[in-house]
Amino acid sequence: MNQVSSTEFQLLTTLISKSLSSPELMAFTSDFGVMPEFEDYYGFINLTELGISIVLNRGNMIDDLEFVPEAGKFYVVAIHLYDEGRDKFGGYAGPILGNEILGKAKPKIIEVLGKPIEEREKKFSNVLKGYFRAWISYQISKTLVLRIEIEDSGMSSMASITKRKS
């Protein structure tokens, strides 16, 4: 498992709300030698071995994530951190207690991080014709939220960092 440094993590979080054509995101993709992949309204910049995916969006969000809409442009709306093996990703290890929250049961996460600021049960999406997993969230800075997905098994396998909703 490759460790993500605090500096690399800080750089990742500064990319949220940046457009795909921003100098910061262009430099990031060049430095890591990765290119975005696109499907429908979403794009992804995957750092598979690190257990990280940078999520891009160009339309209205289905959920409550905040971003700056502009027709035809993609913006970073979230950073996904994966547990080992989820969606063929390596396990994320780095700041935000990756080893303490990913692959753990919800009660253990709450024991480590405290009471979440928000919780949501599993919910059906009419747009996606499928279910959103249950999640719990924590404010990690003035503008960012850590949202931890809880599988039907009660274990976490992914966390997302997003802008705090207004």
N, C-alpha and C. Protein backbone atom coordinates (compact mmCIF):
# COMPACT_ATOMS: atom_id res chain seq x y z
N MET A 1 0.85 -1.18 0.00
CA MET A 1 0.00 0.00 0.00
C MET A 1 0.90 1.25 0.00
N ASN A 2 0.71 2.12 -0.99
CA ASN A 2 1.50 3.35 -1.07
C ASN A 2 0.92 4.41 -0.16
N GLN A 3 1.78 5.10 0.56
CA GLN A 3 1.37 6.15 1.50
C GLN A 3 1.27 7.49 0.77
N VAL A 4 0.19 8.21 1.00
CA VAL A 4 0.01 9.56 0.45
C VAL A 4 0.50 10.55 1.50
N SER A 5 1.39 11.45 1.09
CA SER A 5 1.93 12.43 2.05
C SER A 5 0.90 13.51 2.35
N SER A 6 1.13 14.24 3.43
CA SER A 6 0.25 15.37 3.79
C SER A 6 0.25 16.43 2.70
N THR A 7 1.41 16.66 2.09
CA THR A 7 1.53 17.66 1.02
C THR A 7 0.70 17.23 -0.20
N GLU A 8 0.80 15.95 -0.58
CA GLU A 8 0.02 15.45 -1.72
C GLU A 8 -1.47 15.52 -1.42
N PHE A 9 -1.83 15.19 -0.19
CA PHE A 9 -3.24 15.24 0.20
C PHE A 9 -3.77 16.68 0.14
N GLN A 10 -2.99 17.62 0.65
CA GLN A 10 -3.38 19.03 0.61
C GLN A 10 -3.57 19.49 -0.83
N LEU A 11 -2.67 19.08 -1.73
CA LEU A 11 -2.80 19.42 -3.14
C LEU A 11 -4.10 18.86 -3.71
N LEU A 12 -4.41 17.61 -3.38
CA LEU A 12 -5.66 17.01 -3.85
C LEU A 12 -6.87 17.83 -3.44
N THR A 13 -6.93 18.23 -2.18
CA THR A 13 -8.11 18.97 -1.70
C THR A 13 -8.22 20.35 -2.34
N THR A 14 -7.11 20.95 -2.76
CA THR A 14 -7.19 22.26 -3.42
C THR A 14 -7.75 22.15 -4.83
N LEU A 15 -7.82 20.93 -5.37
CA LEU A 15 -8.35 20.75 -6.72
C LEU A 15 -9.88 20.79 -6.77
N ILE A 16 -10.54 20.61 -5.63
CA ILE A 16 -12.01 20.61 -5.61
C ILE A 16 -12.53 21.97 -6.09
N SER A 17 -13.45 21.94 -7.04
CA SER A 17 -14.07 23.09 -7.72
C SER A 17 -13.22 23.67 -8.85
N LYS A 18 -12.04 23.11 -9.11
CA LYS A 18 -11.23 23.58 -10.24
C LYS A 18 -11.76 22.97 -11.52
N SER A 19 -11.63 23.71 -12.63
CA SER A 19 -12.06 23.17 -13.92
C SER A 19 -10.96 22.27 -14.47
N LEU A 20 -11.34 21.38 -15.36
CA LEU A 20 -10.40 20.46 -15.97
C LEU A 20 -9.29 21.21 -16.70
N SER A 21 -9.61 22.41 -17.20
CA SER A 21 -8.62 23.19 -17.94
C SER A 21 -7.81 24.14 -17.04
N SER A 22 -8.03 24.08 -15.72
CA SER A 22 -7.29 24.97 -14.82
C SER A 22 -5.81 24.57 -14.81
N PRO A 23 -4.92 25.55 -14.62
CA PRO A 23 -3.48 25.25 -14.57
C PRO A 23 -3.14 24.23 -13.47
N GLU A 24 -3.85 24.31 -12.33
CA GLU A 24 -3.58 23.39 -11.22
C GLU A 24 -3.87 21.94 -11.59
N LEU A 25 -5.03 21.71 -12.22
CA LEU A 25 -5.40 20.35 -12.58
C LEU A 25 -4.56 19.83 -13.74
N MET A 26 -4.23 20.71 -14.68
CA MET A 26 -3.37 20.31 -15.79
C MET A 26 -1.99 19.92 -15.28
N ALA A 27 -1.46 20.68 -14.33
CA ALA A 27 -0.15 20.36 -13.75
C ALA A 27 -0.21 19.04 -12.98
N PHE A 28 -1.30 18.84 -12.25
CA PHE A 28 -1.46 17.62 -11.46
C PHE A 28 -1.47 16.39 -12.37
N THR A 29 -2.28 16.42 -13.43
CA THR A 29 -2.36 15.26 -14.32
C THR A 29 -1.02 15.02 -15.01
N SER A 30 -0.31 16.08 -15.32
CA SER A 30 1.01 15.95 -15.94
C SER A 30 2.01 15.34 -14.95
N ASP A 31 2.02 15.83 -13.72
CA ASP A 31 2.96 15.34 -12.69
C ASP A 31 2.75 13.86 -12.40
N PHE A 32 1.49 13.42 -12.36
CA PHE A 32 1.20 12.02 -12.03
C PHE A 32 1.10 11.14 -13.28
N GLY A 33 1.16 11.75 -14.47
CA GLY A 33 1.10 10.99 -15.71
C GLY A 33 -0.22 10.28 -15.92
N VAL A 34 -1.33 10.93 -15.53
CA VAL A 34 -2.66 10.34 -15.68
C VAL A 34 -3.52 11.23 -16.56
N MET A 35 -4.46 10.60 -17.24
CA MET A 35 -5.39 11.34 -18.08
C MET A 35 -6.81 11.05 -17.60
N PRO A 36 -7.71 12.01 -17.74
CA PRO A 36 -9.10 11.77 -17.34
C PRO A 36 -9.79 10.76 -18.25
N GLU A 37 -10.73 10.05 -17.67
CA GLU A 37 -11.60 9.14 -18.42
C GLU A 37 -13.00 9.72 -18.27
N PHE A 38 -13.81 9.62 -19.33
CA PHE A 38 -15.14 10.23 -19.30
C PHE A 38 -16.23 9.22 -19.60
N GLU A 39 -17.38 9.40 -18.94
CA GLU A 39 -18.59 8.64 -19.24
C GLU A 39 -19.78 9.53 -18.91
N ASP A 40 -20.60 9.76 -19.92
CA ASP A 40 -21.80 10.60 -19.78
C ASP A 40 -21.46 11.95 -19.16
N TYR A 41 -22.02 12.23 -17.97
CA TYR A 41 -21.84 13.52 -17.33
C TYR A 41 -20.64 13.56 -16.38
N TYR A 42 -19.97 12.43 -16.22
CA TYR A 42 -18.88 12.35 -15.25
C TYR A 42 -17.56 12.08 -15.93
N GLY A 43 -16.51 12.45 -15.24
CA GLY A 43 -15.17 12.10 -15.64
C GLY A 43 -14.42 11.68 -14.39
N PHE A 44 -13.33 10.96 -14.59
CA PHE A 44 -12.54 10.47 -13.46
C PHE A 44 -11.06 10.58 -13.79
N ILE A 45 -10.28 10.96 -12.82
CA ILE A 45 -8.83 10.88 -12.91
C ILE A 45 -8.44 9.90 -11.82
N ASN A 46 -8.07 8.68 -12.24
CA ASN A 46 -7.84 7.61 -11.29
C ASN A 46 -6.36 7.40 -10.99
N LEU A 47 -6.06 7.42 -9.70
CA LEU A 47 -4.75 7.04 -9.20
C LEU A 47 -4.95 5.69 -8.51
N THR A 48 -5.14 4.68 -9.34
CA THR A 48 -5.59 3.36 -8.89
C THR A 48 -4.72 2.77 -7.79
N GLU A 49 -3.40 2.81 -7.97
CA GLU A 49 -2.51 2.21 -6.97
C GLU A 49 -2.58 2.92 -5.62
N LEU A 50 -2.92 4.21 -5.64
CA LEU A 50 -3.02 4.99 -4.40
C LEU A 50 -4.40 4.91 -3.77
N GLY A 51 -5.36 4.29 -4.47
CA GLY A 51 -6.72 4.21 -3.94
C GLY A 51 -7.47 5.52 -4.00
N ILE A 52 -7.17 6.34 -5.02
CA ILE A 52 -7.76 7.68 -5.14
C ILE A 52 -8.37 7.87 -6.52
N SER A 53 -9.55 8.49 -6.57
CA SER A 53 -10.17 8.89 -7.82
C SER A 53 -10.64 10.33 -7.67
N ILE A 54 -10.26 11.16 -8.62
CA ILE A 54 -10.73 12.55 -8.66
C ILE A 54 -11.95 12.56 -9.58
N VAL A 55 -13.09 13.02 -9.06
CA VAL A 55 -14.35 12.95 -9.79
C VAL A 55 -14.66 14.30 -10.42
N LEU A 56 -14.99 14.27 -11.71
CA LEU A 56 -15.33 15.46 -12.48
C LEU A 56 -16.81 15.40 -12.85
N ASN A 57 -17.45 16.56 -12.96
CA ASN A 57 -18.86 16.62 -13.33
C ASN A 57 -19.09 17.82 -14.21
N ARG A 58 -20.04 17.71 -15.15
CA ARG A 58 -20.36 18.86 -16.01
C ARG A 58 -21.84 19.23 -16.00
N GLY A 59 -22.65 18.51 -15.22
CA GLY A 59 -24.08 18.82 -15.18
C GLY A 59 -24.53 19.04 -13.75
N ASN A 60 -25.84 19.16 -13.56
CA ASN A 60 -26.37 19.32 -12.21
C ASN A 60 -26.10 18.06 -11.41
N MET A 61 -25.71 18.22 -10.17
CA MET A 61 -25.42 17.07 -9.33
C MET A 61 -26.72 16.37 -8.95
N ILE A 62 -26.64 15.06 -8.83
CA ILE A 62 -27.78 14.25 -8.44
C ILE A 62 -28.01 14.38 -6.94
N ASP A 63 -26.92 14.52 -6.21
CA ASP A 63 -27.00 14.64 -4.76
C ASP A 63 -26.69 16.08 -4.37
N ASP A 64 -26.25 16.30 -3.15
CA ASP A 64 -26.10 17.67 -2.65
C ASP A 64 -24.67 18.20 -2.70
N LEU A 65 -23.85 17.72 -3.61
CA LEU A 65 -22.48 18.22 -3.72
C LEU A 65 -22.50 19.58 -4.40
N GLU A 66 -21.66 20.46 -3.93
CA GLU A 66 -21.63 21.82 -4.47
C GLU A 66 -20.55 21.94 -5.53
N PHE A 67 -20.83 22.63 -6.63
CA PHE A 67 -19.81 22.92 -7.63
C PHE A 67 -20.26 24.12 -8.44
N VAL A 68 -19.37 24.63 -9.28
CA VAL A 68 -19.67 25.80 -10.10
C VAL A 68 -20.04 25.32 -11.50
N PRO A 69 -21.31 25.38 -11.87
CA PRO A 69 -21.70 24.86 -13.19
C PRO A 69 -21.32 25.81 -14.32
N GLU A 70 -20.89 25.25 -15.43
CA GLU A 70 -20.61 26.03 -16.64
C GLU A 70 -20.73 25.07 -17.81
N ALA A 71 -21.62 25.34 -18.72
CA ALA A 71 -21.91 24.42 -19.83
C ALA A 71 -20.63 24.01 -20.56
N GLY A 72 -20.50 22.71 -20.78
CA GLY A 72 -19.38 22.20 -21.57
C GLY A 72 -18.08 22.03 -20.83
N LYS A 73 -18.01 22.43 -19.57
CA LYS A 73 -16.76 22.30 -18.81
C LYS A 73 -16.92 21.30 -17.69
N PHE A 74 -15.86 20.57 -17.43
CA PHE A 74 -15.83 19.64 -16.30
C PHE A 74 -15.14 20.29 -15.11
N TYR A 75 -15.68 20.03 -13.92
CA TYR A 75 -15.10 20.54 -12.68
C TYR A 75 -14.87 19.39 -11.70
N VAL A 76 -13.87 19.53 -10.86
CA VAL A 76 -13.63 18.54 -9.81
C VAL A 76 -14.70 18.75 -8.74
N VAL A 77 -15.48 17.70 -8.45
CA VAL A 77 -16.54 17.82 -7.45
C VAL A 77 -16.28 16.95 -6.23
N ALA A 78 -15.35 16.01 -6.33
CA ALA A 78 -15.07 15.13 -5.18
C ALA A 78 -13.75 14.41 -5.37
N ILE A 79 -13.19 14.00 -4.26
CA ILE A 79 -12.03 13.11 -4.23
C ILE A 79 -12.51 11.84 -3.52
N HIS A 80 -12.44 10.70 -4.22
CA HIS A 80 -12.83 9.43 -3.61
C HIS A 80 -11.59 8.71 -3.10
N LEU A 81 -11.70 8.16 -1.90
CA LEU A 81 -10.63 7.38 -1.27
C LEU A 81 -11.18 5.97 -1.09
N TYR A 82 -10.47 4.96 -1.63
CA TYR A 82 -10.99 3.59 -1.67
C TYR A 82 -10.24 2.65 -0.73
N ASP A 83 -11.01 1.70 -0.20
CA ASP A 83 -10.43 0.59 0.54
C ASP A 83 -9.83 -0.39 -0.48
N GLU A 84 -8.86 -1.16 -0.04
CA GLU A 84 -8.21 -2.16 -0.89
C GLU A 84 -9.25 -3.05 -1.58
N GLY A 85 -9.19 -3.12 -2.92
CA GLY A 85 -10.06 -4.01 -3.67
C GLY A 85 -11.37 -3.43 -4.14
N ARG A 86 -11.81 -2.30 -3.60
CA ARG A 86 -13.07 -1.69 -4.05
C ARG A 86 -12.86 -1.14 -5.45
N ASP A 87 -13.67 -1.57 -6.38
CA ASP A 87 -13.61 -1.11 -7.78
C ASP A 87 -12.21 -1.22 -8.38
N LYS A 88 -11.47 -2.24 -7.98
CA LYS A 88 -10.11 -2.54 -8.48
C LYS A 88 -9.07 -1.51 -8.06
N PHE A 89 -9.33 -0.78 -6.99
CA PHE A 89 -8.37 0.20 -6.49
C PHE A 89 -7.49 -0.42 -5.42
N GLY A 90 -6.27 0.12 -5.30
CA GLY A 90 -5.43 -0.21 -4.17
C GLY A 90 -6.01 0.49 -2.96
N GLY A 91 -5.58 0.16 -1.79
CA GLY A 91 -6.11 0.78 -0.59
C GLY A 91 -5.48 2.14 -0.32
N TYR A 92 -6.31 3.15 -0.07
CA TYR A 92 -5.83 4.49 0.28
C TYR A 92 -5.17 4.44 1.66
N ALA A 93 -4.01 5.04 1.76
CA ALA A 93 -3.33 5.19 3.04
C ALA A 93 -2.74 6.60 3.08
N GLY A 94 -3.15 7.36 4.05
CA GLY A 94 -2.65 8.73 4.16
C GLY A 94 -3.48 9.53 5.13
N PRO A 95 -3.37 10.86 5.05
CA PRO A 95 -4.15 11.72 5.94
C PRO A 95 -5.64 11.40 5.88
N ILE A 96 -6.37 11.76 6.88
CA ILE A 96 -7.80 11.50 7.07
C ILE A 96 -7.99 10.06 7.56
N LEU A 97 -6.98 9.52 8.23
CA LEU A 97 -7.12 8.23 8.90
C LEU A 97 -7.61 7.12 7.98
N GLY A 98 -7.07 7.05 6.75
CA GLY A 98 -7.49 6.02 5.81
C GLY A 98 -7.51 4.63 6.41
N ASN A 99 -6.48 4.26 7.13
CA ASN A 99 -6.41 2.92 7.72
C ASN A 99 -7.39 2.74 8.87
N GLU A 100 -7.87 3.84 9.44
CA GLU A 100 -8.78 3.76 10.59
C GLU A 100 -10.26 3.77 10.22
N ILE A 101 -10.57 4.17 8.98
CA ILE A 101 -11.99 4.27 8.61
C ILE A 101 -12.38 3.36 7.46
N LEU A 102 -11.47 3.09 6.53
CA LEU A 102 -11.82 2.25 5.38
C LEU A 102 -11.73 0.79 5.76
N GLY A 103 -12.76 0.04 5.40
CA GLY A 103 -12.81 -1.37 5.76
C GLY A 103 -13.24 -1.61 7.19
N LYS A 104 -13.78 -0.58 7.83
CA LYS A 104 -14.21 -0.69 9.23
C LYS A 104 -15.73 -0.59 9.32
N ALA A 105 -16.27 -1.09 10.42
CA ALA A 105 -17.71 -1.02 10.67
C ALA A 105 -18.08 0.38 11.14
N LYS A 106 -19.30 0.78 10.84
CA LYS A 106 -19.79 2.11 11.21
C LYS A 106 -19.57 2.43 12.69
N PRO A 107 -19.86 1.53 13.64
CA PRO A 107 -19.62 1.87 15.06
C PRO A 107 -18.15 2.17 15.35
N LYS A 108 -17.22 1.47 14.69
CA LYS A 108 -15.78 1.71 14.89
C LYS A 108 -15.40 3.08 14.35
N ILE A 109 -15.96 3.44 13.19
CA ILE A 109 -15.67 4.76 12.61
C ILE A 109 -16.14 5.86 13.55
N ILE A 110 -17.34 5.71 14.09
CA ILE A 110 -17.88 6.71 15.02
C ILE A 110 -17.04 6.75 16.30
N GLU A 111 -16.55 5.62 16.73
CA GLU A 111 -15.66 5.58 17.90
C GLU A 111 -14.38 6.38 17.64
N VAL A 112 -13.84 6.26 16.43
CA VAL A 112 -12.59 6.94 16.07
C VAL A 112 -12.82 8.43 15.79
N LEU A 113 -13.86 8.76 15.01
CA LEU A 113 -14.07 10.13 14.54
C LEU A 113 -15.09 10.93 15.35
N GLY A 114 -15.88 10.25 16.17
CA GLY A 114 -16.91 10.94 16.94
C GLY A 114 -18.23 10.96 16.20
N LYS A 115 -19.16 11.70 16.75
CA LYS A 115 -20.52 11.78 16.17
C LYS A 115 -20.47 12.50 14.82
N PRO A 116 -21.06 11.90 13.77
CA PRO A 116 -21.08 12.55 12.46
C PRO A 116 -21.98 13.79 12.46
N ILE A 117 -21.69 14.72 11.54
CA ILE A 117 -22.55 15.91 11.42
C ILE A 117 -23.82 15.59 10.65
N GLU A 118 -23.78 14.48 9.88
CA GLU A 118 -24.94 14.12 9.08
C GLU A 118 -24.88 12.62 8.77
N GLU A 119 -26.06 12.00 8.67
CA GLU A 119 -26.17 10.59 8.31
C GLU A 119 -27.29 10.44 7.31
N ARG A 120 -27.13 9.47 6.39
CA ARG A 120 -28.23 9.17 5.47
C ARG A 120 -28.30 7.66 5.30
N GLU A 121 -29.50 7.14 5.30
CA GLU A 121 -29.70 5.71 5.06
C GLU A 121 -29.65 5.45 3.56
N LYS A 122 -29.56 4.21 3.17
CA LYS A 122 -29.59 3.81 1.77
C LYS A 122 -30.82 4.43 1.11
N LYS A 123 -30.65 4.95 -0.12
CA LYS A 123 -31.73 5.69 -0.76
C LYS A 123 -31.76 5.38 -2.26
N PHE A 124 -32.96 5.20 -2.81
CA PHE A 124 -33.13 4.94 -4.24
C PHE A 124 -33.06 6.24 -5.03
N SER A 125 -32.35 6.22 -6.16
CA SER A 125 -32.27 7.35 -7.07
C SER A 125 -33.09 7.06 -8.32
N ASN A 126 -34.11 7.88 -8.56
CA ASN A 126 -34.91 7.74 -9.77
C ASN A 126 -34.10 8.08 -11.02
N VAL A 127 -33.12 8.96 -10.87
CA VAL A 127 -32.28 9.36 -12.00
C VAL A 127 -31.34 8.22 -12.40
N LEU A 128 -30.65 7.64 -11.42
CA LEU A 128 -29.70 6.57 -11.71
C LEU A 128 -30.34 5.19 -11.79
N LYS A 129 -31.60 5.10 -11.36
CA LYS A 129 -32.32 3.81 -11.32
C LYS A 129 -31.54 2.79 -10.48
N GLY A 130 -31.06 3.25 -9.37
CA GLY A 130 -30.32 2.38 -8.46
C GLY A 130 -30.23 3.05 -7.10
N TYR A 131 -29.51 2.41 -6.19
CA TYR A 131 -29.42 2.90 -4.82
C TYR A 131 -28.13 3.66 -4.55
N PHE A 132 -28.24 4.72 -3.75
CA PHE A 132 -27.09 5.35 -3.12
C PHE A 132 -26.86 4.59 -1.82
N ARG A 133 -25.63 4.32 -1.52
CA ARG A 133 -25.34 3.65 -0.25
C ARG A 133 -25.62 4.60 0.91
N ALA A 134 -25.78 4.03 2.10
CA ALA A 134 -25.89 4.85 3.31
C ALA A 134 -24.54 5.52 3.53
N TRP A 135 -24.52 6.66 4.24
CA TRP A 135 -23.26 7.32 4.55
C TRP A 135 -23.36 8.13 5.82
N ILE A 136 -22.18 8.44 6.34
CA ILE A 136 -22.06 9.37 7.47
C ILE A 136 -21.03 10.41 7.06
N SER A 137 -21.17 11.64 7.57
CA SER A 137 -20.22 12.68 7.15
C SER A 137 -19.69 13.48 8.33
N TYR A 138 -18.49 14.01 8.10
CA TYR A 138 -17.76 14.80 9.10
C TYR A 138 -17.18 16.03 8.42
N GLN A 139 -17.25 17.16 9.10
CA GLN A 139 -16.60 18.36 8.58
C GLN A 139 -15.12 18.25 8.91
N ILE A 140 -14.25 18.37 7.87
CA ILE A 140 -12.81 18.22 8.09
C ILE A 140 -12.05 19.53 7.94
N SER A 141 -12.72 20.56 7.43
CA SER A 141 -12.14 21.90 7.37
C SER A 141 -13.30 22.87 7.25
N LYS A 142 -12.98 24.13 7.14
CA LYS A 142 -14.03 25.15 7.03
C LYS A 142 -14.92 24.92 5.81
N THR A 143 -14.34 24.38 4.73
CA THR A 143 -15.10 24.23 3.49
C THR A 143 -15.26 22.80 3.00
N LEU A 144 -14.65 21.81 3.68
CA LEU A 144 -14.68 20.44 3.18
C LEU A 144 -15.36 19.47 4.13
N VAL A 145 -16.01 18.46 3.52
CA VAL A 145 -16.70 17.42 4.27
C VAL A 145 -16.15 16.06 3.82
N LEU A 146 -15.97 15.16 4.79
CA LEU A 146 -15.61 13.78 4.52
C LEU A 146 -16.87 12.95 4.65
N ARG A 147 -17.28 12.29 3.56
CA ARG A 147 -18.48 11.46 3.55
C ARG A 147 -18.02 10.01 3.40
N ILE A 148 -18.39 9.17 4.36
CA ILE A 148 -17.97 7.77 4.38
C ILE A 148 -19.16 6.89 4.01
N GLU A 149 -19.01 6.13 2.93
CA GLU A 149 -20.08 5.23 2.49
C GLU A 149 -20.09 3.97 3.34
N ILE A 150 -21.28 3.52 3.68
CA ILE A 150 -21.46 2.30 4.46
C ILE A 150 -22.17 1.28 3.56
N GLU A 151 -21.51 0.16 3.34
CA GLU A 151 -22.07 -0.92 2.51
C GLU A 151 -23.23 -1.59 3.24
N ASP A 152 -23.99 -2.40 2.52
CA ASP A 152 -25.07 -3.17 3.14
C ASP A 152 -24.55 -4.06 4.27
N SER A 153 -23.28 -4.47 4.16
CA SER A 153 -22.65 -5.31 5.19
C SER A 153 -22.37 -4.55 6.48
N GLY A 154 -22.50 -3.20 6.43
CA GLY A 154 -22.20 -2.36 7.59
C GLY A 154 -20.77 -1.86 7.62
N MET A 155 -19.97 -2.25 6.61
CA MET A 155 -18.56 -1.85 6.54
C MET A 155 -18.39 -0.70 5.56
N SER A 156 -17.33 0.09 5.77
CA SER A 156 -17.02 1.18 4.84
C SER A 156 -16.03 0.67 3.79
N SER A 157 -16.17 1.16 2.57
CA SER A 157 -15.21 0.78 1.53
C SER A 157 -14.77 1.98 0.71
N MET A 158 -15.40 3.13 0.95
CA MET A 158 -15.04 4.34 0.21
C MET A 158 -15.42 5.56 1.03
N ALA A 159 -14.60 6.59 0.92
CA ALA A 159 -14.91 7.89 1.51
C ALA A 159 -14.73 8.94 0.43
N SER A 160 -15.49 10.02 0.51
CA SER A 160 -15.39 11.11 -0.47
C SER A 160 -15.16 12.42 0.27
N ILE A 161 -14.33 13.23 -0.32
CA ILE A 161 -14.13 14.59 0.19
C ILE A 161 -14.80 15.52 -0.80
N THR A 162 -15.71 16.36 -0.31
CA THR A 162 -16.47 17.29 -1.14
C THR A 162 -16.52 18.65 -0.46
N LYS A 163 -16.98 19.64 -1.22
CA LYS A 163 -17.22 20.95 -0.61
C LYS A 163 -18.43 20.84 0.31
N ARG A 164 -18.40 21.59 1.37
CA ARG A 164 -19.52 21.62 2.31
C ARG A 164 -20.70 22.30 1.62
N LYS A 165 -21.88 21.69 1.73
CA LYS A 165 -23.04 22.31 1.10
C LYS A 165 -23.42 23.57 1.86
N SER A 166 -24.01 24.51 1.14
CA SER A 166 -24.36 25.81 1.73
C SER A 166 -25.45 25.67 2.75
